[in-house]
C-alpha atoms as a PDB file:
ATOM      1  CA  GLU A   1     -62.628 -21.042   2.124  1.00  0.00           C
ATOM      2  CA  ARG A   2     -59.169 -20.150   1.647  1.00  0.00           C
ATOM      3  CA  GLU A   3     -58.606 -23.913   2.550  1.00  0.00           C
ATOM      4  CA  VAL A   4     -60.227 -25.298   0.081  1.00  0.00           C
ATOM      5  CA  SER A   5     -58.611 -22.594  -2.450  1.00  0.00           C
ATOM      6  CA  LEU A   6     -54.965 -23.322  -1.451  1.00  0.00           C
ATOM      7  CA  LEU A   7     -55.660 -26.664  -2.217  1.00  0.00           C
ATOM      8  CA  SER A   8     -57.463 -26.440  -5.379  1.00  0.00           C
ATOM      9  CA  GLY A   9     -54.532 -24.226  -6.323  1.00  0.00           C
ATOM     10  CA  GLY A  10     -51.926 -26.968  -5.511  1.00  0.00           C
ATOM     11  CA  MET A  11     -54.039 -29.811  -7.403  1.00  0.00           C
ATOM     12  CA  VAL A  12     -54.629 -27.254 -10.110  1.00  0.00           C
ATOM     13  CA  ALA A  13     -50.911 -26.553 -10.507  1.00  0.00           C
ATOM     14  CA  ASP A  14     -49.395 -30.114 -10.312  1.00  0.00           C
ATOM     15  CA  ALA A  15     -51.873 -31.593 -12.861  1.00  0.00           C
ATOM     16  CA  LEU A  16     -50.989 -28.793 -15.628  1.00  0.00           C
ATOM     17  CA  ARG A  17     -47.072 -28.981 -14.801  1.00  0.00           C
ATOM     18  CA  SER A  18     -47.438 -32.862 -15.363  1.00  0.00           C
ATOM     19  CA  LEU A  19     -49.234 -31.972 -18.568  1.00  0.00           C
ATOM     20  CA  GLY A  20     -45.986 -29.498 -19.853  1.00  0.00           C
ATOM     21  CA  TYR A  21     -46.960 -26.458 -18.667  1.00  0.00           C
ATOM     22  CA  ASP A  22     -44.849 -23.854 -17.172  1.00  0.00           C
ATOM     23  CA  VAL A  23     -46.946 -22.718 -13.973  1.00  0.00           C
ATOM     24  CA  THR A  24     -45.977 -19.704 -10.991  1.00  0.00           C
ATOM     25  CA  PRO A  25     -48.129 -20.306  -8.255  1.00  0.00           C
ATOM     26  CA  LEU A  26     -50.162 -16.572  -6.915  1.00  0.00           C
ATOM     27  CA  ASP A  27     -51.513 -16.396  -3.817  1.00  0.00           C
ATOM     28  CA  PRO A  28     -54.017 -12.793  -3.688  1.00  0.00           C
ATOM     29  CA  GLU A  29     -53.902 -12.925  -0.127  1.00  0.00           C
ATOM     30  CA  GLN A  30     -50.324 -12.464  -0.089  1.00  0.00           C
ATOM     31  CA  LEU A  31     -50.043  -9.580  -2.314  1.00  0.00           C
ATOM     32  CA  LEU A  32     -52.588  -7.812   0.029  1.00  0.00           C
ATOM     33  CA  LEU A  33     -50.646  -8.792   3.340  1.00  0.00           C
ATOM     34  CA  GLY A  34     -47.750  -7.161   1.112  1.00  0.00           C
ATOM     35  CA  GLU A  35     -45.972 -10.577   1.393  1.00  0.00           C
ATOM     36  CA  GLY A  36     -46.079 -10.982  -2.635  1.00  0.00           C
ATOM     37  CA  ASP A  37     -44.741  -9.152  -5.412  1.00  0.00           C
ATOM     38  CA  ILE A  38     -47.589  -7.354  -7.900  1.00  0.00           C
ATOM     39  CA  ARG A  39     -45.246  -7.438 -10.268  1.00  0.00           C
ATOM     40  CA  ALA A  40     -45.780 -11.129 -11.088  1.00  0.00           C
ATOM     41  CA  LEU A  41     -48.977  -9.714 -12.989  1.00  0.00           C
ATOM     42  CA  VAL A  42     -47.690  -7.040 -14.793  1.00  0.00           C
ATOM     43  CA  GLY A  43     -44.343  -6.554 -17.423  1.00  0.00           C
ATOM     44  CA  ALA A  44     -42.847  -8.328 -20.091  1.00  0.00           C
ATOM     45  CA  GLU A  45     -43.123 -11.657 -17.827  1.00  0.00           C
ATOM     46  CA  ARG A  46     -46.951 -11.404 -16.857  1.00  0.00           C
ATOM     47  CA  PRO A  47     -48.632 -14.600 -17.387  1.00  0.00           C
ATOM     48  CA  ASP A  48     -50.293 -15.896 -20.487  1.00  0.00           C
ATOM     49  CA  ILE A  49     -53.048 -16.403 -18.577  1.00  0.00           C
ATOM     50  CA  ALA A  50     -54.155 -17.151 -15.010  1.00  0.00           C
ATOM     51  CA  PHE A  51     -55.915 -20.196 -13.593  1.00  0.00           C
ATOM     52  CA  LEU A  52     -58.318 -19.187 -11.066  1.00  0.00           C
ATOM     53  CA  ALA A  53     -58.494 -21.695  -8.790  1.00  0.00           C
ATOM     54  CA  LEU A  54     -60.311 -19.216  -5.306  1.00  0.00           C
ATOM     55  CA  HIS A  55     -63.367 -19.615  -3.407  1.00  0.00           C
ATOM     56  CA  GLY A  56     -65.145 -17.422  -1.378  1.00  0.00           C
ATOM     57  CA  THR A  57     -65.779 -13.418  -1.338  1.00  0.00           C
ATOM     58  CA  GLY A  58     -63.450 -11.473  -2.892  1.00  0.00           C
ATOM     59  CA  ALA A  59     -62.883 -14.667  -5.684  1.00  0.00           C
ATOM     60  CA  GLU A  60     -66.508 -15.793  -6.803  1.00  0.00           C
ATOM     61  CA  ASP A  61     -67.725 -12.215  -6.615  1.00  0.00           C
ATOM     62  CA  GLY A  62     -65.858 -10.159  -9.772  1.00  0.00           C
ATOM     63  CA  ARG A  63     -63.272  -9.018  -7.673  1.00  0.00           C
ATOM     64  CA  ILE A  64     -60.153 -10.684  -8.582  1.00  0.00           C
ATOM     65  CA  GLN A  65     -61.750 -10.859 -12.183  1.00  0.00           C
ATOM     66  CA  GLY A  66     -61.872  -7.201 -11.786  1.00  0.00           C
ATOM     67  CA  LEU A  67     -58.041  -6.342 -10.406  1.00  0.00           C
ATOM     68  CA  LEU A  68     -57.180  -9.234 -13.706  1.00  0.00           C
ATOM     69  CA  ASP A  69     -59.269  -7.051 -16.224  1.00  0.00           C
ATOM     70  CA  LEU A  70     -57.881  -3.791 -15.010  1.00  0.00           C
ATOM     71  CA  LEU A  71     -53.704  -5.370 -15.365  1.00  0.00           C
ATOM     72  CA  GLU A  72     -55.057  -6.887 -19.300  1.00  0.00           C
ATOM     73  CA  VAL A  73     -54.473 -10.700 -18.126  1.00  0.00           C
ATOM     74  CA  PRO A  74     -56.947 -13.009 -19.283  1.00  0.00           C
ATOM     75  CA  TYR A  75     -57.913 -15.525 -16.451  1.00  0.00           C
ATOM     76  CA  THR A  76     -60.360 -18.696 -16.610  1.00  0.00           C
ATOM     77  CA  GLY A  77     -63.679 -19.006 -15.927  1.00  0.00           C
ATOM     78  CA  SER A  78     -66.179 -16.006 -15.508  1.00  0.00           C
ATOM     79  CA  GLY A  79     -66.050 -12.655 -15.691  1.00  0.00           C
ATOM     80  CA  VAL A  80     -66.990  -9.683 -13.188  1.00  0.00           C
ATOM     81  CA  ALA A  81     -70.490  -9.304 -14.335  1.00  0.00           C
ATOM     82  CA  ALA A  82     -71.638 -12.830 -14.025  1.00  0.00           C
ATOM     83  CA  SER A  83     -69.041 -14.023 -11.175  1.00  0.00           C
ATOM     84  CA  ALA A  84     -71.345 -10.728  -9.678  1.00  0.00           C
ATOM     85  CA  LEU A  85     -74.879 -12.190 -10.574  1.00  0.00           C
ATOM     86  CA  ALA A  86     -74.169 -15.846  -9.346  1.00  0.00           C
ATOM     87  CA  MET A  87     -73.077 -14.890  -6.014  1.00  0.00           C
ATOM     88  CA  ASP A  88     -75.778 -12.791  -5.990  1.00  0.00           C
ATOM     89  CA  LYS A  89     -78.164 -15.422  -5.084  1.00  0.00           C
ATOM     90  CA  HIS A  90     -81.584 -13.040  -5.293  1.00  0.00           C
ATOM     91  CA  ALA A  91     -80.406 -11.766  -8.801  1.00  0.00           C
ATOM     92  CA  ALA A  92     -79.303 -15.204  -9.961  1.00  0.00           C
ATOM     93  CA  LYS A  93     -82.592 -16.730  -9.668  1.00  0.00           C
ATOM     94  CA  GLN A  94     -84.228 -13.790 -11.184  1.00  0.00           C
ATOM     95  CA  ALA A  95     -82.037 -14.770 -13.943  1.00  0.00           C
ATOM     96  CA  LEU A  96     -82.611 -18.400 -13.729  1.00  0.00           C
ATOM     97  CA  ARG A  97     -86.064 -17.741 -13.888  1.00  0.00           C
ATOM     98  CA  SER A  98     -86.201 -15.541 -16.961  1.00  0.00           C
ATOM     99  CA  ALA A  99     -84.266 -18.556 -18.590  1.00  0.00           C
ATOM    100  CA  GLY A 100     -87.455 -20.822 -18.014  1.00  0.00           C
ATOM    101  CA  LEU A 101     -86.002 -22.710 -15.359  1.00  0.00           C
ATOM    102  CA  ARG A 102     -87.649 -23.366 -11.346  1.00  0.00           C
ATOM    103  CA  VAL A 103     -86.437 -21.647  -8.723  1.00  0.00           C
ATOM    104  CA  PRO A 104     -86.891 -22.371  -4.975  1.00  0.00           C
ATOM    105  CA  VAL A 105     -89.834 -19.389  -3.070  1.00  0.00           C
ATOM    106  CA  GLY A 106     -88.034 -16.570  -1.656  1.00  0.00           C
ATOM    107  CA  VAL A 107     -88.192 -13.554  -0.058  1.00  0.00           C
ATOM    108  CA  LEU A 108     -84.885 -10.996   0.624  1.00  0.00           C
ATOM    109  CA  VAL A 109     -84.756  -9.414   4.172  1.00  0.00           C
ATOM    110  CA  PRO A 110     -81.852  -6.518   4.253  1.00  0.00           C
ATOM    111  CA  ARG A 111     -80.178  -6.197   7.048  1.00  0.00           C
ATOM    112  CA  GLY A 112     -82.146  -5.072  10.395  1.00  0.00           C
ATOM    113  CA  GLY A 113     -85.511  -5.649   7.918  1.00  0.00           C
ATOM    114  CA  ALA A 114     -88.776  -7.669   9.214  1.00  0.00           C
ATOM    115  CA  VAL A 115     -89.143 -10.718   8.543  1.00  0.00           C
ATOM    116  CA  PRO A 116     -92.054 -11.037   6.183  1.00  0.00           C
ATOM    117  CA  GLU A 117     -95.339 -12.740   7.276  1.00  0.00           C
ATOM    118  CA  ASP A 118     -95.462 -14.666   3.629  1.00  0.00           C
ATOM    119  CA  ALA A 119     -92.396 -16.068   4.292  1.00  0.00           C
ATOM    120  CA  PRO A 120     -92.466 -19.968   2.837  1.00  0.00           C
ATOM    121  CA  LEU A 121     -92.322 -22.606   5.852  1.00  0.00           C
ATOM    122  CA  PRO A 122     -90.309 -24.966   5.980  1.00  0.00           C
ATOM    123  CA  ALA A 123     -87.529 -22.856   4.446  1.00  0.00           C
ATOM    124  CA  VAL A 124     -84.115 -22.366   4.313  1.00  0.00           C
ATOM    125  CA  VAL A 125     -82.293 -19.333   5.553  1.00  0.00           C
ATOM    126  CA  LYS A 126     -79.020 -18.074   4.098  1.00  0.00           C
ATOM    127  CA  PRO A 127     -76.582 -15.283   3.895  1.00  0.00           C
ATOM    128  CA  ASN A 128     -77.620 -13.839   0.233  1.00  0.00           C
ATOM    129  CA  ALA A 129     -74.517 -12.923  -0.616  1.00  0.00           C
ATOM    130  CA  GLN A 130     -71.965 -16.569   0.046  1.00  0.00           C
ATOM    131  CA  GLY A 131     -70.750 -19.456  -0.862  1.00  0.00           C
ATOM    132  CA  SER A 132     -70.159 -23.337   1.084  1.00  0.00           C
ATOM    133  CA  THR A 133     -73.337 -23.019   2.601  1.00  0.00           C
ATOM    134  CA  VAL A 134     -72.135 -20.599   5.150  1.00  0.00           C
ATOM    135  CA  GLY A 135     -74.578 -19.129   7.570  1.00  0.00           C
ATOM    136  CA  LEU A 136     -77.120 -21.818   6.453  1.00  0.00           C
ATOM    137  CA  THR A 137     -80.166 -22.601   8.340  1.00  0.00           C
ATOM    138  CA  PHE A 138     -82.541 -25.281   8.070  1.00  0.00           C
ATOM    139  CA  VAL A 139     -86.313 -23.771   9.721  1.00  0.00           C
ATOM    140  CA  LYS A 140     -89.095 -25.656   9.870  1.00  0.00           C
ATOM    141  CA  ARG A 141     -90.976 -23.388  12.319  1.00  0.00           C
ATOM    142  CA  ARG A 142     -91.942 -19.474  12.113  1.00  0.00           C
ATOM    143  CA  GLU A 143     -90.329 -19.162  15.729  1.00  0.00           C
ATOM    144  CA  GLU A 144     -86.973 -20.649  14.312  1.00  0.00           C
ATOM    145  CA  LEU A 145     -87.085 -17.918  11.307  1.00  0.00           C
ATOM    146  CA  GLU A 146     -85.892 -14.446  13.181  1.00  0.00           C
ATOM    147  CA  GLU A 147     -82.940 -16.475  14.876  1.00  0.00           C
ATOM    148  CA  ALA A 148     -82.322 -17.784  11.324  1.00  0.00           C
ATOM    149  CA  VAL A 149     -82.144 -14.203   9.499  1.00  0.00           C
ATOM    150  CA  ARG A 150     -79.699 -12.818  11.919  1.00  0.00           C
ATOM    151  CA  ILE A 151     -77.356 -15.741  11.784  1.00  0.00           C
ATOM    152  CA  ALA A 152     -77.444 -15.265   8.375  1.00  0.00           C
ATOM    153  CA  TRP A 153     -76.814 -11.582   9.111  1.00  0.00           C
ATOM    154  CA  LYS A 154     -73.495 -11.840  10.151  1.00  0.00           C
ATOM    155  CA  TYR A 155     -72.330 -13.400   6.942  1.00  0.00           C
ATOM    156  CA  ASP A 156     -73.914 -10.873   4.786  1.00  0.00           C
ATOM    157  CA  GLU A 157     -76.154  -7.769   4.625  1.00  0.00           C
ATOM    158  CA  SER A 158     -79.015  -9.501   3.319  1.00  0.00           C
ATOM    159  CA  ALA A 159     -80.735 -12.793   4.686  1.00  0.00           C
ATOM    160  CA  LEU A 160     -82.375 -15.189   1.516  1.00  0.00           C
ATOM    161  CA  ILE A 161     -85.903 -17.424   3.408  1.00  0.00           C
ATOM    162  CA  GLU A 162     -86.467 -19.615   0.827  1.00  0.00           C
ATOM    163  CA  GLU A 163     -88.492 -22.560   0.754  1.00  0.00           C
ATOM    164  CA  TRP A 164     -87.219 -25.674   1.417  1.00  0.00           C
ATOM    165  CA  VAL A 165     -87.790 -27.980  -1.438  1.00  0.00           C
ATOM    166  CA  GLU A 166     -87.287 -32.061  -0.954  1.00  0.00           C
ATOM    167  CA  GLY A 167     -86.112 -34.307  -2.950  1.00  0.00           C
ATOM    168  CA  VAL A 168     -82.689 -35.889  -4.257  1.00  0.00           C
ATOM    169  CA  GLU A 169     -79.817 -32.759  -4.411  1.00  0.00           C
ATOM    170  CA  VAL A 170     -77.565 -33.307  -7.221  1.00  0.00           C
ATOM    171  CA  SER A 171     -74.822 -31.177  -9.033  1.00  0.00           C
ATOM    172  CA  VAL A 172     -73.998 -30.653 -12.855  1.00  0.00           C
ATOM    173  CA  PRO A 173     -70.926 -29.517 -13.962  1.00  0.00           C
ATOM    174  CA  VAL A 174     -70.672 -27.685 -17.104  1.00  0.00           C
ATOM    175  CA  VAL A 175     -66.593 -27.739 -18.623  1.00  0.00           C
ATOM    176  CA  GLY A 176     -66.635 -25.432 -22.084  1.00  0.00           C
ATOM    177  CA  GLU A 177     -70.274 -26.233 -23.446  1.00  0.00           C
ATOM    178  CA  GLU A 178     -70.653 -29.650 -22.040  1.00  0.00           C
ATOM    179  CA  ALA A 179     -72.420 -30.532 -19.107  1.00  0.00           C
ATOM    180  CA  LEU A 180     -71.029 -33.656 -17.257  1.00  0.00           C
ATOM    181  CA  PRO A 181     -72.925 -36.123 -15.523  1.00  0.00           C
ATOM    182  CA  ALA A 182     -74.974 -35.247 -12.394  1.00  0.00           C
ATOM    183  CA  VAL A 183     -73.896 -36.125  -8.442  1.00  0.00           C
ATOM    184  CA  GLU A 184     -76.083 -37.154  -6.028  1.00  0.00           C
ATOM    185  CA  ILE A 185     -75.560 -35.583  -2.674  1.00  0.00           C
ATOM    186  CA  VAL A 186     -76.587 -37.688   0.340  1.00  0.00           C
ATOM    187  CA  PRO A 187     -75.723 -35.759   3.654  1.00  0.00           C
ATOM    188  CA  LEU A 188     -75.919 -38.702   6.540  1.00  0.00           C
ATOM    189  CA  GLY A 189     -77.614 -36.324   8.565  1.00  0.00           C
ATOM    190  CA  GLY A 190     -79.976 -35.100   6.321  1.00  0.00           C
ATOM    191  CA  ARG A 191     -79.221 -31.687   5.540  1.00  0.00           C
ATOM    192  CA  TYR A 192     -76.778 -30.159   3.514  1.00  0.00           C
ATOM    193  CA  ASP A 193     -75.120 -27.471   5.669  1.00  0.00           C
ATOM    194  CA  PHE A 194     -71.500 -26.371   6.244  1.00  0.00           C
ATOM    195  CA  SER A 195     -70.327 -29.280   8.446  1.00  0.00           C
ATOM    196  CA  ALA A 196     -71.988 -31.582   6.178  1.00  0.00           C
ATOM    197  CA  LYS A 197     -69.770 -30.241   3.538  1.00  0.00           C
ATOM    198  CA  TYR A 198     -67.077 -30.487   5.400  1.00  0.00           C
ATOM    199  CA  THR A 199     -67.051 -32.842   7.862  1.00  0.00           C
ATOM    200  CA  PRO A 200     -65.312 -36.274   6.233  1.00  0.00           C
ATOM    201  CA  GLY A 201     -67.652 -38.955   5.824  1.00  0.00           C
ATOM    202  CA  ALA A 202     -70.638 -36.691   6.534  1.00  0.00           C
ATOM    203  CA  THR A 203     -71.751 -36.907   2.942  1.00  0.00           C
ATOM    204  CA  GLU A 204     -71.797 -39.624   0.808  1.00  0.00           C
ATOM    205  CA  GLU A 205     -71.415 -38.144  -3.442  1.00  0.00           C
ATOM    206  CA  ILE A 206     -72.912 -40.701  -5.918  1.00  0.00           C
ATOM    207  CA  VAL A 207     -72.225 -40.193  -9.427  1.00  0.00           C
ATOM    208  CA  PRO A 208     -74.119 -41.501 -11.177  1.00  0.00           C
ATOM    209  CA  ALA A 209     -77.000 -40.343  -9.860  1.00  0.00           C
ATOM    210  CA  ARG A 210     -80.050 -42.308  -9.207  1.00  0.00           C
ATOM    211  CA  ILE A 211     -82.353 -40.241 -11.050  1.00  0.00           C
ATOM    212  CA  SER A 212     -83.978 -41.155 -13.797  1.00  0.00           C
ATOM    213  CA  GLU A 213     -83.221 -41.233 -17.286  1.00  0.00           C
ATOM    214  CA  SER A 214     -85.088 -38.189 -17.791  1.00  0.00           C
ATOM    215  CA  ALA A 215     -84.252 -36.029 -15.601  1.00  0.00           C
ATOM    216  CA  GLU A 216     -80.774 -36.630 -15.304  1.00  0.00           C
ATOM    217  CA  SER A 217     -81.395 -35.514 -19.184  1.00  0.00           C
ATOM    218  CA  ARG A 218     -83.042 -32.257 -17.931  1.00  0.00           C
ATOM    219  CA  VAL A 219     -80.365 -31.268 -15.095  1.00  0.00           C
ATOM    220  CA  ARG A 220     -77.935 -31.308 -17.633  1.00  0.00           C
ATOM    221  CA  GLU A 221     -79.938 -29.372 -20.575  1.00  0.00           C
ATOM    222  CA  ALA A 222     -80.973 -27.357 -17.236  1.00  0.00           C
ATOM    223  CA  ALA A 223     -76.991 -26.556 -15.814  1.00  0.00           C
ATOM    224  CA  LEU A 224     -76.142 -25.674 -19.690  1.00  0.00           C
ATOM    225  CA  ILE A 225     -79.434 -22.744 -19.508  1.00  0.00           C
ATOM    226  CA  ALA A 226     -78.257 -21.926 -15.899  1.00  0.00           C
ATOM    227  CA  HIS A 227     -74.352 -21.661 -17.261  1.00  0.00           C
ATOM    228  CA  HIS A 228     -75.706 -19.289 -20.007  1.00  0.00           C
ATOM    229  CA  ALA A 229     -78.020 -17.321 -17.821  1.00  0.00           C
ATOM    230  CA  VAL A 230     -75.381 -15.679 -15.410  1.00  0.00           C
ATOM    231  CA  GLY A 231     -73.032 -15.659 -18.629  1.00  0.00           C
ATOM    232  CA  ALA A 232     -70.427 -18.296 -17.066  1.00  0.00           C
ATOM    233  CA  CYS A 233     -67.588 -19.154 -18.686  1.00  0.00           C
ATOM    234  CA  ASP A 234     -65.537 -22.101 -19.266  1.00  0.00           C
ATOM    235  CA  LEU A 235     -66.648 -23.828 -16.007  1.00  0.00           C
ATOM    236  CA  SER A 236     -69.806 -23.394 -13.506  1.00  0.00           C
ATOM    237  CA  ARG A 237     -71.008 -26.139 -11.413  1.00  0.00           C
ATOM    238  CA  SER A 238     -75.464 -25.608 -10.533  1.00  0.00           C
ATOM    239  CA  ASP A 239     -77.241 -27.274  -8.079  1.00  0.00           C
ATOM    240  CA  PHE A 240     -80.445 -29.108  -8.018  1.00  0.00           C
ATOM    241  CA  ILE A 241     -82.886 -30.825  -6.407  1.00  0.00           C
ATOM    242  CA  VAL A 242     -85.329 -33.519  -8.589  1.00  0.00           C
ATOM    243  CA  THR A 243     -88.144 -33.688  -6.792  1.00  0.00           C
ATOM    244  CA  ARG A 244     -90.473 -36.250  -5.680  1.00  0.00           C
ATOM    245  CA  ASP A 245     -92.140 -36.423  -9.336  1.00  0.00           C
ATOM    246  CA  ASP A 246     -89.472 -35.734 -11.376  1.00  0.00           C
ATOM    247  CA  ASP A 247     -89.443 -31.943 -11.211  1.00  0.00           C
ATOM    248  CA  VAL A 248     -86.048 -29.987 -11.448  1.00  0.00           C
ATOM    249  CA  VAL A 249     -85.667 -27.254  -9.810  1.00  0.00           C
ATOM    250  CA  VAL A 250     -82.214 -24.819  -9.559  1.00  0.00           C
ATOM    251  CA  LEU A 251     -80.653 -23.741  -6.408  1.00  0.00           C
ATOM    252  CA  GLU A 252     -77.463 -21.553  -7.251  1.00  0.00           C
ATOM    253  CA  VAL A 253     -74.962 -21.530 -10.031  1.00  0.00           C
ATOM    254  CA  ASN A 254     -71.371 -21.790  -8.845  1.00  0.00           C
ATOM    255  CA  THR A 255     -69.143 -19.841 -10.978  1.00  0.00           C
ATOM    256  CA  LEU A 256     -65.467 -20.852  -9.113  1.00  0.00           C
ATOM    257  CA  PRO A 257     -66.309 -24.280  -7.916  1.00  0.00           C
ATOM    258  CA  GLY A 258     -63.880 -26.427  -6.139  1.00  0.00           C
ATOM    259  CA  LEU A 259     -60.826 -28.238  -7.781  1.00  0.00           C
ATOM    260  CA  THR A 260     -59.021 -30.807  -5.843  1.00  0.00           C
ATOM    261  CA  MET A 261     -59.685 -34.592  -5.989  1.00  0.00           C
ATOM    262  CA  THR A 262     -62.908 -34.632  -4.198  1.00  0.00           C
ATOM    263  CA  SER A 263     -64.876 -32.012  -5.184  1.00  0.00           C
ATOM    264  CA  LEU A 264     -67.469 -32.362  -7.198  1.00  0.00           C
ATOM    265  CA  VAL A 265     -66.267 -31.715 -10.516  1.00  0.00           C
ATOM    266  CA  PRO A 266     -63.700 -33.886 -10.584  1.00  0.00           C
ATOM    267  CA  ARG A 267     -66.036 -36.865  -9.166  1.00  0.00           C
ATOM    268  CA  SER A 268     -68.129 -35.794 -12.147  1.00  0.00           C
ATOM    269  CA  ALA A 269     -65.521 -35.963 -14.708  1.00  0.00           C
ATOM    270  CA  ALA A 270     -64.027 -38.787 -13.877  1.00  0.00           C
ATOM    271  CA  SER A 271     -67.197 -40.880 -14.612  1.00  0.00           C
ATOM    272  CA  VAL A 272     -66.854 -40.354 -17.702  1.00  0.00           C
ATOM    273  CA  GLY A 273     -63.410 -41.083 -17.565  1.00  0.00           C
ATOM    274  CA  ILE A 274     -62.179 -37.435 -17.738  1.00  0.00           C
ATOM    275  CA  GLY A 275     -58.764 -37.304 -15.531  1.00  0.00           C
ATOM    276  CA  PHE A 276     -57.557 -34.839 -13.224  1.00  0.00           C
ATOM    277  CA  ALA A 277     -55.133 -33.227 -15.104  1.00  0.00           C
ATOM    278  CA  GLN A 278     -57.470 -33.873 -18.512  1.00  0.00           C
ATOM    279  CA  LEU A 279     -60.177 -31.460 -16.723  1.00  0.00           C
ATOM    280  CA  CYS A 280     -57.825 -28.752 -15.866  1.00  0.00           C
ATOM    281  CA  GLU A 281     -57.034 -28.749 -19.505  1.00  0.00           C
ATOM    282  CA  ARG A 282     -59.729 -28.671 -20.746  1.00  0.00           C
ATOM    283  CA  ILE A 283     -60.999 -25.678 -18.491  1.00  0.00           C
ATOM    284  CA  LEU A 284     -57.608 -23.560 -19.513  1.00  0.00           C
ATOM    285  CA  ARG A 285     -57.822 -24.895 -23.125  1.00  0.00           C
ATOM    286  CA  SER A 286     -61.211 -23.346 -23.261  1.00  0.00           C
ATOM    287  CA  ALA A 287     -60.398 -19.698 -21.631  1.00  0.00           C
ATOM    288  CA  MET A 288     -57.373 -19.395 -24.228  1.00  0.00           C
ATOM    289  CA  GLU A 289     -59.451 -20.221 -27.411  1.00  0.00           C
ATOM    290  CA  ARG A 290     -62.212 -17.078 -25.353  1.00  0.00           C
ATOM    291  CA  TYR A 291     -58.734 -15.000 -25.165  1.00  0.00           C
ATOM    292  CA  GLY A 292     -56.989 -16.313 -28.497  1.00  0.00           C
ATOM    293  CA  VAL A 293     -53.838 -17.325 -26.045  1.00  0.00           C
ATOM    294  CA  SER A 294     -51.326 -19.990 -27.914  1.00  0.00           C
ATOM    295  CA  LYS A 295     -50.002 -22.590 -25.646  1.00  0.00           C
END
């Protein structure tokens, strides 16, 4: 997800500069490879706050947040615990269920473990701690489960087998303490996997979503509940299925969703008149208020 991170970071930097903020881009990978300067994060000249526009392992799982905490650099978005919890899909489901939300029935299969006889079918099989639909497989028959689990194990120590809940898939951002309109996700191939997510033209994104007013209200309410259940701050995006009987099922919570011009969060914000630069400033201001940082 490095390319998405670079694109998000570049877009956010340009947006904040247009509003008069002094922005210095910093690429953590360059620091790890010895090509950057860690001194940019320490000493008198360190930033007032870091705007996180990173995605995937090492970014969404609390690691970069832990580094910034150690360096005492304030940052946008969720902290270590919330990031790690949301990235661990199985643990996050337990938190969401405890908060009163419906989640898919599922079982966790550690690397090398046997697929349980009572594993749900049809199913969605995915790595337990990965993002962007990496390693995800849709399964209809029992004999397909073991191969799907092996694919998931390539990307994580555990595979999550979940019931395949059918209905309208929607994604709901929370910015600050406000849930924005649901965005409907319509993969033209019928399945929202890695290819559908990143192949241009493979998925249609519709806002407002074609769901009932009641369902729209309930997914927004559920997004706020999910946001608080994992302990998210400033920004999150929760994914849901609205079933044929108008029930709402939460799939997962993303604490560092994409922030490109074509990402779901900006699309939702634009539908209610919030431009990209304004959206970025809302996220930034939310974090600044939490830390007591002034412009």
